[in-house]
C-alpha atoms as a PDB file:
ATOM      1  CA  MET A   1     118.295 129.066 133.749  1.00  0.00           C
ATOM      2  CA  PHE A   2     119.229 126.743 136.774  1.00  0.00           C
ATOM      3  CA  ARG A   3     122.318 128.890 137.711  1.00  0.00           C
ATOM      4  CA  ILE A   4     120.424 132.132 137.829  1.00  0.00           C
ATOM      5  CA  LEU A   5     117.729 130.261 139.969  1.00  0.00           C
ATOM      6  CA  LEU A   6     120.572 128.929 142.184  1.00  0.00           C
ATOM      7  CA  THR A   7     122.167 132.424 142.399  1.00  0.00           C
ATOM      8  CA  LEU A   8     119.055 134.026 143.429  1.00  0.00           C
ATOM      9  CA  VAL A   9     118.204 131.374 146.147  1.00  0.00           C
ATOM     10  CA  VAL A  10     121.837 131.875 147.411  1.00  0.00           C
ATOM     11  CA  ILE A  11     121.418 135.700 147.657  1.00  0.00           C
ATOM     12  CA  ALA A  12     118.123 135.198 149.468  1.00  0.00           C
ATOM     13  CA  ALA A  13     119.613 132.906 151.757  1.00  0.00           C
ATOM     14  CA  ILE A  14     122.566 135.436 152.426  1.00  0.00           C
ATOM     15  CA  ALA A  15     120.236 138.272 152.890  1.00  0.00           C
ATOM     16  CA  ALA A  16     117.935 136.340 155.285  1.00  0.00           C
ATOM     17  CA  PHE A  17     120.930 135.075 157.385  1.00  0.00           C
ATOM     18  CA  ALA A  18     122.420 138.767 157.399  1.00  0.00           C
ATOM     19  CA  SER A  19     118.988 140.443 158.235  1.00  0.00           C
ATOM     20  CA  ARG A  20     117.610 138.049 160.864  1.00  0.00           C
ATOM     21  CA  PRO A  21     116.656 140.045 164.016  1.00  0.00           C
ATOM     22  CA  THR A  22     118.760 139.488 167.220  1.00  0.00           C
ATOM     23  CA  GLN A  23     116.881 138.782 170.439  1.00  0.00           C
ATOM     24  CA  GLN A  24     117.169 142.267 171.510  1.00  0.00           C
ATOM     25  CA  GLU A  25     115.903 143.480 168.083  1.00  0.00           C
ATOM     26  CA  VAL A  26     113.034 141.006 168.530  1.00  0.00           C
ATOM     27  CA  GLN A  27     112.339 142.778 171.853  1.00  0.00           C
ATOM     28  CA  GLY A  28     112.380 146.302 170.180  1.00  0.00           C
ATOM     29  CA  LEU A  29     110.153 145.111 167.229  1.00  0.00           C
ATOM     30  CA  TYR A  30     107.743 143.583 169.728  1.00  0.00           C
ATOM     31  CA  ARG A  31     107.512 146.828 171.782  1.00  0.00           C
ATOM     32  CA  ALA A  32     106.982 148.958 168.532  1.00  0.00           C
ATOM     33  CA  LYS A  33     104.052 146.507 167.592  1.00  0.00           C
ATOM     34  CA  LEU A  34     102.714 147.154 171.274  1.00  0.00           C
ATOM     35  CA  MET A  35     102.993 150.926 170.720  1.00  0.00           C
ATOM     36  CA  GLN A  36     101.224 150.948 167.401  1.00  0.00           C
ATOM     37  CA  GLU A  37      98.369 148.923 168.861  1.00  0.00           C
ATOM     38  CA  ILE A  38      98.082 151.195 171.885  1.00  0.00           C
ATOM     39  CA  ALA A  39      97.750 154.162 169.557  1.00  0.00           C
ATOM     40  CA  ARG A  40      95.295 152.380 167.338  1.00  0.00           C
ATOM     41  CA  ASN A  41      92.960 151.282 169.995  1.00  0.00           C
ATOM     42  CA  ASP A  42      90.084 153.485 171.655  1.00  0.00           C
ATOM     43  CA  THR A  43      88.298 152.962 174.697  1.00  0.00           C
ATOM     44  CA  ASN A  44      84.705 151.681 173.984  1.00  0.00           C
ATOM     45  CA  THR A  45      81.812 150.110 175.605  1.00  0.00           C
ATOM     46  CA  SER A  46      82.315 146.536 174.376  1.00  0.00           C
ATOM     47  CA  ARG A  47      85.526 146.246 176.617  1.00  0.00           C
ATOM     48  CA  ALA A  48      85.394 145.787 180.402  1.00  0.00           C
ATOM     49  CA  PRO A  49      85.667 149.004 182.451  1.00  0.00           C
ATOM     50  CA  ALA A  50      89.133 147.756 183.759  1.00  0.00           C
ATOM     51  CA  GLU A  51      90.445 147.092 180.162  1.00  0.00           C
ATOM     52  CA  ASN A  52      89.323 150.708 179.185  1.00  0.00           C
ATOM     53  CA  ALA A  53      90.940 151.963 182.392  1.00  0.00           C
ATOM     54  CA  ALA A  54      94.142 150.395 181.676  1.00  0.00           C
ATOM     55  CA  LEU A  55      94.034 151.514 177.917  1.00  0.00           C
ATOM     56  CA  ALA A  56      93.468 155.011 178.980  1.00  0.00           C
ATOM     57  CA  LEU A  57      96.490 154.876 181.310  1.00  0.00           C
ATOM     58  CA  CYS A  58      98.609 153.375 178.377  1.00  0.00           C
ATOM     59  CA  LYS A  59      97.618 156.327 176.140  1.00  0.00           C
ATOM     60  CA  VAL A  60      99.066 158.584 178.686  1.00  0.00           C
ATOM     61  CA  SER A  61     102.329 157.125 178.425  1.00  0.00           C
ATOM     62  CA  SER A  62     102.379 154.589 175.701  1.00  0.00           C
ATOM     63  CA  SER A  63     106.222 153.817 175.906  1.00  0.00           C
ATOM     64  CA  ALA A  64     106.015 153.131 179.497  1.00  0.00           C
ATOM     65  CA  CYS A  65     103.007 151.004 179.079  1.00  0.00           C
ATOM     66  CA  ALA A  66     104.777 149.150 176.338  1.00  0.00           C
ATOM     67  CA  ASP A  67     107.883 148.479 178.366  1.00  0.00           C
ATOM     68  CA  LEU A  68     105.542 147.130 181.371  1.00  0.00           C
ATOM     69  CA  ILE A  69     103.914 144.791 178.851  1.00  0.00           C
ATOM     70  CA  VAL A  70     107.395 143.663 177.418  1.00  0.00           C
ATOM     71  CA  SER A  71     108.702 143.054 180.710  1.00  0.00           C
ATOM     72  CA  ALA A  72     105.676 140.975 181.702  1.00  0.00           C
ATOM     73  CA  THR A  73     106.091 138.755 178.548  1.00  0.00           C
ATOM     74  CA  GLN A  74     108.334 135.771 178.326  1.00  0.00           C
ATOM     75  CA  ILE A  75     110.202 135.893 174.795  1.00  0.00           C
ATOM     76  CA  ILE A  76     111.475 132.531 173.837  1.00  0.00           C
ATOM     77  CA  TYR A  77     114.088 133.128 170.965  1.00  0.00           C
ATOM     78  CA  VAL A  78     115.205 130.005 168.960  1.00  0.00           C
ATOM     79  CA  ASP A  79     117.714 130.980 166.097  1.00  0.00           C
ATOM     80  CA  ARG A  80     117.166 128.798 162.911  1.00  0.00           C
ATOM     81  CA  ARG A  81     120.139 130.415 160.942  1.00  0.00           C
ATOM     82  CA  LEU A  82     117.921 131.939 158.223  1.00  0.00           C
ATOM     83  CA  PHE A  83     115.095 133.082 160.498  1.00  0.00           C
ATOM     84  CA  ALA A  84     114.442 133.239 164.314  1.00  0.00           C
ATOM     85  CA  GLN A  85     111.416 131.315 165.726  1.00  0.00           C
ATOM     86  CA  VAL A  86     109.855 133.506 168.655  1.00  0.00           C
ATOM     87  CA  THR A  87     107.144 132.480 171.082  1.00  0.00           C
ATOM     88  CA  LEU A  88     105.711 135.399 173.219  1.00  0.00           C
ATOM     89  CA  LYS A  89     103.958 134.248 176.293  1.00  0.00           C
ATOM     90  CA  GLY A  90     102.448 136.438 178.966  1.00  0.00           C
ATOM     91  CA  LEU A  91      99.165 138.140 180.332  1.00  0.00           C
ATOM     92  CA  GLY A  92      96.965 134.790 179.599  1.00  0.00           C
ATOM     93  CA  LYS A  93      98.038 135.161 175.926  1.00  0.00           C
ATOM     94  CA  SER A  94     100.458 133.529 173.460  1.00  0.00           C
ATOM     95  CA  ALA A  95     101.655 134.054 170.044  1.00  0.00           C
ATOM     96  CA  SER A  96     104.035 132.261 167.681  1.00  0.00           C
ATOM     97  CA  CYS A  97     106.119 134.512 165.606  1.00  0.00           C
ATOM     98  CA  LEU A  98     108.750 134.454 162.731  1.00  0.00           C
ATOM     99  CA  ALA A  99     111.625 136.949 162.843  1.00  0.00           C
ATOM    100  CA  MET A 100     113.310 137.273 159.390  1.00  0.00           C
ATOM    101  CA  PHE A 101     114.389 140.243 157.039  1.00  0.00           C
ATOM    102  CA  THR A 102     114.173 142.685 160.218  1.00  0.00           C
ATOM    103  CA  GLN A 103     110.576 141.985 160.547  1.00  0.00           C
ATOM    104  CA  LEU A 104     108.589 140.218 163.287  1.00  0.00           C
ATOM    105  CA  THR A 105     105.419 138.535 162.034  1.00  0.00           C
ATOM    106  CA  CYS A 106     103.081 136.655 164.647  1.00  0.00           C
ATOM    107  CA  THR A 107     100.008 134.497 164.828  1.00  0.00           C
ATOM    108  CA  GLY A 108      97.887 134.054 167.755  1.00  0.00           C
ATOM    109  CA  ASP A 109      97.143 136.514 170.512  1.00  0.00           C
ATOM    110  CA  MET A 110     100.093 138.608 171.274  1.00  0.00           C
ATOM    111  CA  PRO A 111     100.266 139.612 174.763  1.00  0.00           C
ATOM    112  CA  GLY A 112      99.278 143.225 175.580  1.00  0.00           C
ATOM    113  CA  THR A 113      96.973 143.453 172.531  1.00  0.00           C
END
């Protein structure tokens, strides 16, 4: 039983190491999350008029808007072998993220959202 458990742990560690996103892949994952957020949000009366105007412009060209937000965000990438610790800072917001198994999972206020 112990050998099976140990084998599964070793396989999971190898999979985590092999599928940990690089710094460039993290930037792409962040950009994809931004584009999803842009597509999901609608203008409404609870936001400030400037925020609604910016969102409306982002809806016109979500990829250009996401590129602009990514370029205005400081992405701090720390390789931890089995995962990467990522900090996103910019536009008055910050988020702490984990990058592992080709995914980016964040807590906090992600810049651009």
